[in-house]
Amino acid sequence: MNIKSFDPYDISIPERQGILTSAVGPRPICFASTIDNAGNINLSPFSFFNVFSNNPPILIFSPARRGRDNTTKHTYENIKEVPEVCINIVNYPMVEQMSLASTEYEKGVNEFVKAGFTEIPSEKIKPPRVKESPVSFECTVDQVIELGTEGGAGNLVIARIQRIHLNTDFLDENGKLDNTKLDLVGRLGANWYSRANVDALFEIPKPLQTKGIGVDHLPKHVQESTVLSANNLGRLGNIEQLPSEEDITEAKQFQTVAAAYKQFEGYELRDEIHRLAKIEIEGGNTEKALTILCTYHG
């Protein structure tokens, strides 16, 4: 494996932007509605964005200085005048309109109108909400941290959530946000986006509170497997303990395992046992997979 390494300041700002936005992604999109002292509304998307605290509930995004001419965004200017922002979450049905709203229109142009979005009055702040958004956060701005004075420098807007709005179409039967319904989009480099639709979603069980055994405690032949992936090993290492001898003896009687021991030997047997275990892991039967793996002692 070859690695290309260099100082970030040895490349141009556009080159550095390309690497950062391609490597750090997909990034959630902050669709920010702001207002100035004259009542002019602005709506702009920013992908330098995330949630940073639950208590207090804090979102942070960065309307950075433009790299080409070092000018500032209308969103940044508005927040300096009226320290409030409505952060609207973007999903796939609205992504093209959101992209249109990123056009650098003149100050005073309302992107709600230009992009065809519907304004809804907020309850605690002046900037309006986006009706089409599945989730909106009314926020007051605690602080703006300017990271520099040159083109490309970020301005961290620390936004404290004061009111949350959930479109009930995106809730499950328990009243919780349903990831399979949200259909969120994320920002990548250049013109690329990602879509978190049902086909792209997958679940990973969180590490056990009682600590998994770890990859280092798996049998050596499992750690060195050419059949099992690194993700497979990570899932196995999350199991709380190795199977008992009784469970291993029982696993040898499984139809597929017994057939493998009759048909193969040596490395071929090892790889077949690993293949059978991989099928169980991908089917969500991780403990059964580890028990099958422990039947092999070659």
C-alpha atoms as a PDB file:
ATOM      1  CA  MET A   1       0.000   0.000   0.000  1.00  0.00           C
ATOM      2  CA  ASN A   2       1.393   3.373  -1.028  1.00  0.00           C
ATOM      3  CA  ILE A   3       0.591   6.513   0.961  1.00  0.00           C
ATOM      4  CA  LYS A   4       0.825  10.054  -0.415  1.00  0.00           C
ATOM      5  CA  SER A   5       1.581  12.469   2.431  1.00  0.00           C
ATOM      6  CA  PHE A   6       2.017  16.226   2.403  1.00  0.00           C
ATOM      7  CA  ASP A   7       1.542  19.423   4.411  1.00  0.00           C
ATOM      8  CA  PRO A   8      -1.982  20.878   3.944  1.00  0.00           C
ATOM      9  CA  TYR A   9      -0.471  24.328   3.443  1.00  0.00           C
ATOM     10  CA  ASP A  10       1.591  23.089   0.485  1.00  0.00           C
ATOM     11  CA  ILE A  11      -1.528  22.860  -1.710  1.00  0.00           C
ATOM     12  CA  SER A  12      -3.993  25.505  -2.836  1.00  0.00           C
ATOM     13  CA  ILE A  13      -7.212  26.310  -0.982  1.00  0.00           C
ATOM     14  CA  PRO A  14      -9.389  24.740  -3.741  1.00  0.00           C
ATOM     15  CA  GLU A  15      -7.256  21.573  -3.713  1.00  0.00           C
ATOM     16  CA  ARG A  16      -7.492  21.358   0.074  1.00  0.00           C
ATOM     17  CA  GLN A  17     -11.262  21.944  -0.078  1.00  0.00           C
ATOM     18  CA  GLY A  18     -11.592  19.079  -2.558  1.00  0.00           C
ATOM     19  CA  ILE A  19      -9.742  16.664  -0.302  1.00  0.00           C
ATOM     20  CA  LEU A  20     -11.582  17.694   2.856  1.00  0.00           C
ATOM     21  CA  THR A  21     -15.063  17.528   1.361  1.00  0.00           C
ATOM     22  CA  SER A  22     -14.410  14.236  -0.428  1.00  0.00           C
ATOM     23  CA  ALA A  23     -12.728  12.489   2.504  1.00  0.00           C
ATOM     24  CA  VAL A  24     -14.958  13.783   5.293  1.00  0.00           C
ATOM     25  CA  GLY A  25     -18.379  12.602   4.235  1.00  0.00           C
ATOM     26  CA  PRO A  26     -21.162  12.080   3.809  1.00  0.00           C
ATOM     27  CA  ARG A  27     -21.916  15.211   5.825  1.00  0.00           C
ATOM     28  CA  PRO A  28     -25.404  16.169   7.030  1.00  0.00           C
ATOM     29  CA  ILE A  29     -26.782  19.367   5.554  1.00  0.00           C
ATOM     30  CA  CYS A  30     -27.820  22.391   7.604  1.00  0.00           C
ATOM     31  CA  PHE A  31     -30.499  24.219   5.611  1.00  0.00           C
ATOM     32  CA  ALA A  32     -30.351  27.501   7.493  1.00  0.00           C
ATOM     33  CA  SER A  33     -33.039  30.156   7.505  1.00  0.00           C
ATOM     34  CA  THR A  34     -31.924  33.556   8.826  1.00  0.00           C
ATOM     35  CA  ILE A  35     -33.150  37.147   8.793  1.00  0.00           C
ATOM     36  CA  ASP A  36     -31.473  40.563   8.944  1.00  0.00           C
ATOM     37  CA  ASN A  37     -32.490  43.714  10.803  1.00  0.00           C
ATOM     38  CA  ALA A  38     -34.444  44.923   7.782  1.00  0.00           C
ATOM     39  CA  GLY A  39     -36.537  41.747   7.697  1.00  0.00           C
ATOM     40  CA  ASN A  40     -34.846  40.207   4.641  1.00  0.00           C
ATOM     41  CA  ILE A  41     -34.980  36.399   4.787  1.00  0.00           C
ATOM     42  CA  ASN A  42     -32.162  34.158   3.578  1.00  0.00           C
ATOM     43  CA  LEU A  43     -32.199  30.385   3.102  1.00  0.00           C
ATOM     44  CA  SER A  44     -28.896  28.586   2.436  1.00  0.00           C
ATOM     45  CA  PRO A  45     -27.437  25.072   2.850  1.00  0.00           C
ATOM     46  CA  PHE A  46     -24.178  24.306   4.664  1.00  0.00           C
ATOM     47  CA  SER A  47     -22.547  20.890   4.949  1.00  0.00           C
ATOM     48  CA  PHE A  48     -19.955  21.853   7.564  1.00  0.00           C
ATOM     49  CA  PHE A  49     -22.565  20.889  10.156  1.00  0.00           C
ATOM     50  CA  ASN A  50     -23.400  18.468  12.953  1.00  0.00           C
ATOM     51  CA  VAL A  51     -24.894  18.000  16.423  1.00  0.00           C
ATOM     52  CA  PHE A  52     -22.401  18.545  19.252  1.00  0.00           C
ATOM     53  CA  SER A  53     -24.347  18.394  22.496  1.00  0.00           C
ATOM     54  CA  ASN A  54     -27.560  16.928  23.863  1.00  0.00           C
ATOM     55  CA  ASN A  55     -27.697  18.782  27.176  1.00  0.00           C
ATOM     56  CA  PRO A  56     -27.791  21.609  26.294  1.00  0.00           C
ATOM     57  CA  PRO A  57     -28.977  20.734  22.756  1.00  0.00           C
ATOM     58  CA  ILE A  58     -26.381  22.346  20.466  1.00  0.00           C
ATOM     59  CA  LEU A  59     -25.973  22.301  16.685  1.00  0.00           C
ATOM     60  CA  ILE A  60     -22.932  23.849  14.994  1.00  0.00           C
ATOM     61  CA  PHE A  61     -22.501  24.831  11.371  1.00  0.00           C
ATOM     62  CA  SER A  62     -20.004  26.966   9.497  1.00  0.00           C
ATOM     63  CA  PRO A  63     -20.812  29.540   6.789  1.00  0.00           C
ATOM     64  CA  ALA A  64     -17.174  29.861   5.754  1.00  0.00           C
ATOM     65  CA  ARG A  65     -15.568  32.790   3.969  1.00  0.00           C
ATOM     66  CA  ARG A  66     -15.508  32.335   0.213  1.00  0.00           C
ATOM     67  CA  GLY A  67     -12.145  31.038  -0.942  1.00  0.00           C
ATOM     68  CA  ARG A  68     -12.093  32.945  -4.206  1.00  0.00           C
ATOM     69  CA  ASP A  69     -12.575  36.494  -2.891  1.00  0.00           C
ATOM     70  CA  ASN A  70     -12.708  36.260   0.936  1.00  0.00           C
ATOM     71  CA  THR A  71     -16.265  37.599   1.128  1.00  0.00           C
ATOM     72  CA  THR A  72     -18.730  36.409   3.774  1.00  0.00           C
ATOM     73  CA  LYS A  73     -22.083  34.664   3.323  1.00  0.00           C
ATOM     74  CA  HIS A  74     -25.410  36.388   3.872  1.00  0.00           C
ATOM     75  CA  THR A  75     -26.207  33.774   6.525  1.00  0.00           C
ATOM     76  CA  TYR A  76     -23.169  34.820   8.556  1.00  0.00           C
ATOM     77  CA  GLU A  77     -24.008  38.503   8.146  1.00  0.00           C
ATOM     78  CA  ASN A  78     -27.641  37.974   9.153  1.00  0.00           C
ATOM     79  CA  ILE A  79     -26.716  36.025  12.272  1.00  0.00           C
ATOM     80  CA  LYS A  80     -24.400  38.841  13.343  1.00  0.00           C
ATOM     81  CA  GLU A  81     -27.414  41.177  13.130  1.00  0.00           C
ATOM     82  CA  VAL A  82     -30.140  38.826  14.405  1.00  0.00           C
ATOM     83  CA  PRO A  83     -28.588  35.901  16.368  1.00  0.00           C
ATOM     84  CA  GLU A  84     -31.258  33.359  15.475  1.00  0.00           C
ATOM     85  CA  VAL A  85     -31.431  30.552  12.918  1.00  0.00           C
ATOM     86  CA  CYS A  86     -33.891  27.854  11.911  1.00  0.00           C
ATOM     87  CA  ILE A  87     -31.986  24.720  10.912  1.00  0.00           C
ATOM     88  CA  ASN A  88     -34.024  22.542   8.579  1.00  0.00           C
ATOM     89  CA  ILE A  89     -32.998  18.969   7.794  1.00  0.00           C
ATOM     90  CA  VAL A  90     -32.785  17.966   4.125  1.00  0.00           C
ATOM     91  CA  ASN A  91     -34.147  14.736   2.649  1.00  0.00           C
ATOM     92  CA  TYR A  92     -34.202  13.377  -0.894  1.00  0.00           C
ATOM     93  CA  PRO A  93     -37.589  14.766  -2.034  1.00  0.00           C
ATOM     94  CA  MET A  94     -36.289  18.329  -1.509  1.00  0.00           C
ATOM     95  CA  VAL A  95     -32.612  17.996  -2.443  1.00  0.00           C
ATOM     96  CA  GLU A  96     -32.798  19.605  -5.906  1.00  0.00           C
ATOM     97  CA  GLN A  97     -34.643  22.636  -4.518  1.00  0.00           C
ATOM     98  CA  MET A  98     -32.113  22.822  -1.698  1.00  0.00           C
ATOM     99  CA  SER A  99     -29.300  22.880  -4.246  1.00  0.00           C
ATOM    100  CA  LEU A 100     -31.018  25.702  -6.132  1.00  0.00           C
ATOM    101  CA  ALA A 101     -31.191  27.685  -2.887  1.00  0.00           C
ATOM    102  CA  SER A 102     -27.381  27.527  -2.678  1.00  0.00           C
ATOM    103  CA  THR A 103     -27.181  29.912  -5.651  1.00  0.00           C
ATOM    104  CA  GLU A 104     -25.442  33.121  -4.619  1.00  0.00           C
ATOM    105  CA  TYR A 105     -28.305  35.511  -5.183  1.00  0.00           C
ATOM    106  CA  GLU A 106     -27.978  39.183  -4.303  1.00  0.00           C
ATOM    107  CA  LYS A 107     -28.633  40.269  -0.714  1.00  0.00           C
ATOM    108  CA  GLY A 108     -32.338  40.696  -0.094  1.00  0.00           C
ATOM    109  CA  VAL A 109     -33.399  37.895  -2.460  1.00  0.00           C
ATOM    110  CA  ASN A 110     -35.568  35.344  -0.635  1.00  0.00           C
ATOM    111  CA  GLU A 111     -34.418  31.819  -1.527  1.00  0.00           C
ATOM    112  CA  PHE A 112     -37.720  30.416  -0.227  1.00  0.00           C
ATOM    113  CA  VAL A 113     -39.315  32.081  -3.247  1.00  0.00           C
ATOM    114  CA  LYS A 114     -36.507  31.328  -5.717  1.00  0.00           C
ATOM    115  CA  ALA A 115     -36.327  27.632  -4.816  1.00  0.00           C
ATOM    116  CA  GLY A 116     -40.079  27.144  -4.381  1.00  0.00           C
ATOM    117  CA  PHE A 117     -40.128  26.345  -0.675  1.00  0.00           C
ATOM    118  CA  THR A 118     -42.971  27.170   1.711  1.00  0.00           C
ATOM    119  CA  GLU A 119     -42.390  29.460   4.695  1.00  0.00           C
ATOM    120  CA  ILE A 120     -43.935  28.537   8.050  1.00  0.00           C
ATOM    121  CA  PRO A 121     -43.694  31.057  10.907  1.00  0.00           C
ATOM    122  CA  SER A 122     -41.443  29.891  13.728  1.00  0.00           C
ATOM    123  CA  GLU A 123     -42.767  29.955  17.281  1.00  0.00           C
ATOM    124  CA  LYS A 124     -39.794  31.333  19.227  1.00  0.00           C
ATOM    125  CA  ILE A 125     -37.526  32.976  16.660  1.00  0.00           C
ATOM    126  CA  LYS A 126     -37.897  35.374  13.721  1.00  0.00           C
ATOM    127  CA  PRO A 127     -36.523  33.260  10.825  1.00  0.00           C
ATOM    128  CA  PRO A 128     -39.226  31.015   9.314  1.00  0.00           C
ATOM    129  CA  ARG A 129     -39.202  27.242   8.949  1.00  0.00           C
ATOM    130  CA  VAL A 130     -39.194  25.195   5.743  1.00  0.00           C
ATOM    131  CA  LYS A 131     -42.513  23.373   5.498  1.00  0.00           C
ATOM    132  CA  GLU A 132     -41.070  20.679   3.228  1.00  0.00           C
ATOM    133  CA  SER A 133     -38.374  19.677   5.745  1.00  0.00           C
ATOM    134  CA  PRO A 134     -38.981  16.511   7.820  1.00  0.00           C
ATOM    135  CA  VAL A 135     -37.353  18.080  10.918  1.00  0.00           C
ATOM    136  CA  SER A 136     -36.757  21.715  11.850  1.00  0.00           C
ATOM    137  CA  PHE A 137     -34.887  23.204  14.814  1.00  0.00           C
ATOM    138  CA  GLU A 138     -35.564  26.728  15.985  1.00  0.00           C
ATOM    139  CA  CYS A 139     -32.296  27.994  17.461  1.00  0.00           C
ATOM    140  CA  THR A 140     -30.814  30.994  19.156  1.00  0.00           C
ATOM    141  CA  VAL A 141     -27.129  31.643  18.504  1.00  0.00           C
ATOM    142  CA  ASP A 142     -24.924  31.390  21.589  1.00  0.00           C
ATOM    143  CA  GLN A 143     -21.700  32.348  19.865  1.00  0.00           C
ATOM    144  CA  VAL A 144     -19.961  32.758  16.516  1.00  0.00           C
ATOM    145  CA  ILE A 145     -16.325  31.687  16.499  1.00  0.00           C
ATOM    146  CA  GLU A 146     -14.352  33.141  13.585  1.00  0.00           C
ATOM    147  CA  LEU A 147     -11.494  30.784  12.736  1.00  0.00           C
ATOM    148  CA  GLY A 148      -9.624  33.161  10.457  1.00  0.00           C
ATOM    149  CA  THR A 149      -9.755  36.267   8.298  1.00  0.00           C
ATOM    150  CA  GLU A 150      -8.665  34.812   4.957  1.00  0.00           C
ATOM    151  CA  GLY A 151     -10.610  33.042   2.221  1.00  0.00           C
ATOM    152  CA  GLY A 152     -11.806  29.566   3.235  1.00  0.00           C
ATOM    153  CA  ALA A 153     -11.794  30.342   6.968  1.00  0.00           C
ATOM    154  CA  GLY A 154     -14.759  28.905   8.860  1.00  0.00           C
ATOM    155  CA  ASN A 155     -17.167  30.730  11.136  1.00  0.00           C
ATOM    156  CA  LEU A 156     -18.559  28.338  13.722  1.00  0.00           C
ATOM    157  CA  VAL A 157     -22.150  29.189  14.545  1.00  0.00           C
ATOM    158  CA  ILE A 158     -23.027  27.614  17.902  1.00  0.00           C
ATOM    159  CA  ALA A 159     -26.798  27.274  17.813  1.00  0.00           C
ATOM    160  CA  ARG A 160     -28.887  26.340  20.855  1.00  0.00           C
ATOM    161  CA  ILE A 161     -32.108  24.502  20.039  1.00  0.00           C
ATOM    162  CA  GLN A 162     -35.184  26.195  21.506  1.00  0.00           C
ATOM    163  CA  ARG A 163     -37.958  24.347  19.661  1.00  0.00           C
ATOM    164  CA  ILE A 164     -38.142  21.109  17.652  1.00  0.00           C
ATOM    165  CA  HIS A 165     -40.653  20.387  14.884  1.00  0.00           C
ATOM    166  CA  LEU A 166     -41.162  16.839  13.547  1.00  0.00           C
ATOM    167  CA  ASN A 167     -43.260  16.034  10.496  1.00  0.00           C
ATOM    168  CA  THR A 168     -45.372  13.117  11.757  1.00  0.00           C
ATOM    169  CA  ASP A 169     -45.183  11.431   8.336  1.00  0.00           C
ATOM    170  CA  PHE A 170     -41.638  10.440   9.302  1.00  0.00           C
ATOM    171  CA  LEU A 171     -42.431   8.866  12.674  1.00  0.00           C
ATOM    172  CA  ASP A 172     -42.764   5.158  13.436  1.00  0.00           C
ATOM    173  CA  GLU A 173     -45.551   3.467  15.389  1.00  0.00           C
ATOM    174  CA  ASN A 174     -43.837   4.495  18.648  1.00  0.00           C
ATOM    175  CA  GLY A 175     -43.713   8.168  17.731  1.00  0.00           C
ATOM    176  CA  LYS A 176     -39.947   8.094  17.071  1.00  0.00           C
ATOM    177  CA  LEU A 177     -38.181   9.336  13.963  1.00  0.00           C
ATOM    178  CA  ASP A 178     -37.968   6.437  11.516  1.00  0.00           C
ATOM    179  CA  ASN A 179     -34.645   6.287   9.659  1.00  0.00           C
ATOM    180  CA  THR A 180     -36.215   4.167   6.925  1.00  0.00           C
ATOM    181  CA  LYS A 181     -38.755   6.917   6.205  1.00  0.00           C
ATOM    182  CA  LEU A 182     -36.565  10.005   6.529  1.00  0.00           C
ATOM    183  CA  ASP A 183     -34.619   9.357   3.291  1.00  0.00           C
ATOM    184  CA  LEU A 184     -31.913  11.812   4.341  1.00  0.00           C
ATOM    185  CA  VAL A 185     -29.189  13.055   2.022  1.00  0.00           C
ATOM    186  CA  GLY A 186     -25.538  13.795   2.773  1.00  0.00           C
ATOM    187  CA  ARG A 187     -22.950  15.954   1.052  1.00  0.00           C
ATOM    188  CA  LEU A 188     -19.773  14.590  -0.491  1.00  0.00           C
ATOM    189  CA  GLY A 189     -17.089  16.244  -2.627  1.00  0.00           C
ATOM    190  CA  ALA A 190     -17.641  18.171  -5.879  1.00  0.00           C
ATOM    191  CA  ASN A 191     -21.245  17.659  -7.071  1.00  0.00           C
ATOM    192  CA  TRP A 192     -21.766  14.373  -5.237  1.00  0.00           C
ATOM    193  CA  TYR A 193     -24.398  13.529  -2.623  1.00  0.00           C
ATOM    194  CA  SER A 194     -25.358  10.335  -0.826  1.00  0.00           C
ATOM    195  CA  ARG A 195     -28.844   9.070  -0.034  1.00  0.00           C
ATOM    196  CA  ALA A 196     -29.747   7.207   3.163  1.00  0.00           C
ATOM    197  CA  ASN A 197     -32.696   5.309   1.720  1.00  0.00           C
ATOM    198  CA  VAL A 198     -33.744   1.856   2.911  1.00  0.00           C
ATOM    199  CA  ASP A 199     -31.351  -0.011   0.603  1.00  0.00           C
ATOM    200  CA  ALA A 200     -28.377   1.987   1.893  1.00  0.00           C
ATOM    201  CA  LEU A 201     -29.149   1.564   5.601  1.00  0.00           C
ATOM    202  CA  PHE A 202     -27.678  -1.110   7.842  1.00  0.00           C
ATOM    203  CA  GLU A 203     -27.571  -1.723  11.576  1.00  0.00           C
ATOM    204  CA  ILE A 204     -24.597  -2.519  13.807  1.00  0.00           C
ATOM    205  CA  PRO A 205     -25.270  -3.685  17.364  1.00  0.00           C
ATOM    206  CA  LYS A 206     -23.640  -1.326  19.862  1.00  0.00           C
ATOM    207  CA  PRO A 207     -20.804  -2.812  21.961  1.00  0.00           C
ATOM    208  CA  LEU A 208     -22.118  -4.681  24.976  1.00  0.00           C
ATOM    209  CA  GLN A 209     -22.160  -2.823  28.273  1.00  0.00           C
ATOM    210  CA  THR A 210     -20.326  -5.799  29.776  1.00  0.00           C
ATOM    211  CA  LYS A 211     -17.534  -5.551  27.140  1.00  0.00           C
ATOM    212  CA  GLY A 212     -17.036  -7.916  24.222  1.00  0.00           C
ATOM    213  CA  ILE A 213     -14.190 -10.423  24.196  1.00  0.00           C
ATOM    214  CA  GLY A 214     -12.381  -8.476  21.466  1.00  0.00           C
ATOM    215  CA  VAL A 215     -10.787  -9.684  18.257  1.00  0.00           C
ATOM    216  CA  ASP A 216      -7.616 -10.573  20.173  1.00  0.00           C
ATOM    217  CA  HIS A 217      -9.494 -13.316  22.080  1.00  0.00           C
ATOM    218  CA  LEU A 218     -10.868 -15.017  18.978  1.00  0.00           C
ATOM    219  CA  PRO A 219      -9.174 -18.264  17.879  1.00  0.00           C
ATOM    220  CA  LYS A 220      -5.977 -17.592  15.921  1.00  0.00           C
ATOM    221  CA  HIS A 221      -7.305 -19.166  12.739  1.00  0.00           C
ATOM    222  CA  VAL A 222     -10.275 -16.774  12.914  1.00  0.00           C
ATOM    223  CA  GLN A 223      -8.073 -13.706  13.374  1.00  0.00           C
ATOM    224  CA  GLU A 224      -6.001 -14.747  10.335  1.00  0.00           C
ATOM    225  CA  SER A 225      -8.973 -15.731   8.169  1.00  0.00           C
ATOM    226  CA  THR A 226      -8.934 -14.927   4.449  1.00  0.00           C
ATOM    227  CA  VAL A 227     -12.688 -15.565   4.250  1.00  0.00           C
ATOM    228  CA  LEU A 228     -13.996 -13.435   7.109  1.00  0.00           C
ATOM    229  CA  SER A 229     -13.871  -9.662   6.638  1.00  0.00           C
ATOM    230  CA  ALA A 230     -12.646  -7.092   9.139  1.00  0.00           C
ATOM    231  CA  ASN A 231     -16.298  -6.198   9.765  1.00  0.00           C
ATOM    232  CA  ASN A 232     -17.051  -9.866  10.466  1.00  0.00           C
ATOM    233  CA  LEU A 233     -14.238  -9.957  13.026  1.00  0.00           C
ATOM    234  CA  GLY A 234     -15.501  -6.769  14.648  1.00  0.00           C
ATOM    235  CA  ARG A 235     -18.949  -8.298  15.045  1.00  0.00           C
ATOM    236  CA  LEU A 236     -17.505 -11.505  16.530  1.00  0.00           C
ATOM    237  CA  GLY A 237     -15.341  -9.526  18.947  1.00  0.00           C
ATOM    238  CA  ASN A 238     -18.480  -7.918  20.349  1.00  0.00           C
ATOM    239  CA  ILE A 239     -19.652 -11.249  21.797  1.00  0.00           C
ATOM    240  CA  GLU A 240     -19.424 -11.393  25.588  1.00  0.00           C
ATOM    241  CA  GLN A 241     -17.775 -14.812  25.932  1.00  0.00           C
ATOM    242  CA  LEU A 242     -16.516 -17.804  23.982  1.00  0.00           C
ATOM    243  CA  PRO A 243     -18.952 -20.711  23.566  1.00  0.00           C
ATOM    244  CA  SER A 244     -18.920 -23.624  25.993  1.00  0.00           C
ATOM    245  CA  GLU A 245     -17.574 -27.039  25.052  1.00  0.00           C
ATOM    246  CA  GLU A 246     -21.147 -28.338  25.160  1.00  0.00           C
ATOM    247  CA  ASP A 247     -22.246 -25.727  22.619  1.00  0.00           C
ATOM    248  CA  ILE A 248     -19.269 -26.532  20.389  1.00  0.00           C
ATOM    249  CA  THR A 249     -20.039 -30.263  20.482  1.00  0.00           C
ATOM    250  CA  GLU A 250     -23.632 -29.503  19.545  1.00  0.00           C
ATOM    251  CA  ALA A 251     -22.506 -27.258  16.667  1.00  0.00           C
ATOM    252  CA  LYS A 252     -20.509 -30.145  15.164  1.00  0.00           C
ATOM    253  CA  GLN A 253     -23.831 -31.891  14.641  1.00  0.00           C
ATOM    254  CA  PHE A 254     -25.308 -29.069  12.544  1.00  0.00           C
ATOM    255  CA  GLN A 255     -26.080 -30.493   9.108  1.00  0.00           C
ATOM    256  CA  THR A 256     -23.874 -28.032   7.190  1.00  0.00           C
ATOM    257  CA  VAL A 257     -21.002 -28.329   9.670  1.00  0.00           C
ATOM    258  CA  ALA A 258     -21.123 -32.135   9.767  1.00  0.00           C
ATOM    259  CA  ALA A 259     -21.137 -32.197   5.953  1.00  0.00           C
ATOM    260  CA  ALA A 260     -18.093 -29.927   5.858  1.00  0.00           C
ATOM    261  CA  TYR A 261     -16.110 -32.236   8.159  1.00  0.00           C
ATOM    262  CA  LYS A 262     -16.975 -35.218   5.942  1.00  0.00           C
ATOM    263  CA  GLN A 263     -16.096 -33.491   2.674  1.00  0.00           C
ATOM    264  CA  PHE A 264     -13.052 -31.361   3.510  1.00  0.00           C
ATOM    265  CA  GLU A 265      -9.855 -31.453   5.528  1.00  0.00           C
ATOM    266  CA  GLY A 266      -6.919 -29.175   6.327  1.00  0.00           C
ATOM    267  CA  TYR A 267      -7.056 -25.619   5.000  1.00  0.00           C
ATOM    268  CA  GLU A 268     -10.058 -26.420   2.812  1.00  0.00           C
ATOM    269  CA  LEU A 269     -11.999 -27.477   5.900  1.00  0.00           C
ATOM    270  CA  ARG A 270     -10.927 -24.332   7.742  1.00  0.00           C
ATOM    271  CA  ASP A 271     -12.082 -22.086   4.893  1.00  0.00           C
ATOM    272  CA  GLU A 272     -15.395 -23.936   4.602  1.00  0.00           C
ATOM    273  CA  ILE A 273     -16.034 -23.532   8.335  1.00  0.00           C
ATOM    274  CA  HIS A 274     -15.207 -19.830   7.958  1.00  0.00           C
ATOM    275  CA  ARG A 275     -17.604 -19.582   5.020  1.00  0.00           C
ATOM    276  CA  LEU A 276     -20.417 -21.209   6.994  1.00  0.00           C
ATOM    277  CA  ALA A 277     -19.753 -18.839   9.892  1.00  0.00           C
ATOM    278  CA  LYS A 278     -19.775 -15.841   7.563  1.00  0.00           C
ATOM    279  CA  ILE A 279     -23.252 -16.818   6.344  1.00  0.00           C
ATOM    280  CA  GLU A 280     -24.483 -16.904   9.953  1.00  0.00           C
ATOM    281  CA  ILE A 281     -22.896 -13.523  10.759  1.00  0.00           C
ATOM    282  CA  GLU A 282     -24.525 -11.898   7.764  1.00  0.00           C
ATOM    283  CA  GLY A 283     -27.810 -13.463   8.826  1.00  0.00           C
ATOM    284  CA  GLY A 284     -27.517 -11.887  12.265  1.00  0.00           C
ATOM    285  CA  ASN A 285     -26.605 -15.128  14.094  1.00  0.00           C
ATOM    286  CA  THR A 286     -23.244 -14.026  15.476  1.00  0.00           C
ATOM    287  CA  GLU A 287     -23.107 -16.315  18.511  1.00  0.00           C
ATOM    288  CA  LYS A 288     -23.942 -19.325  16.343  1.00  0.00           C
ATOM    289  CA  ALA A 289     -21.206 -18.247  13.935  1.00  0.00           C
ATOM    290  CA  LEU A 290     -18.597 -18.144  16.696  1.00  0.00           C
ATOM    291  CA  THR A 291     -19.683 -21.551  17.953  1.00  0.00           C
ATOM    292  CA  ILE A 292     -19.223 -22.990  14.448  1.00  0.00           C
ATOM    293  CA  LEU A 293     -15.784 -21.376  14.200  1.00  0.00           C
ATOM    294  CA  CYS A 294     -14.750 -22.898  17.513  1.00  0.00           C
ATOM    295  CA  THR A 295     -15.399 -26.405  16.189  1.00  0.00           C
ATOM    296  CA  TYR A 296     -12.227 -26.084  14.128  1.00  0.00           C
ATOM    297  CA  HIS A 297      -8.900 -26.697  15.872  1.00  0.00           C
ATOM    298  CA  GLY A 298      -6.554 -27.174  12.921  1.00  0.00           C
END
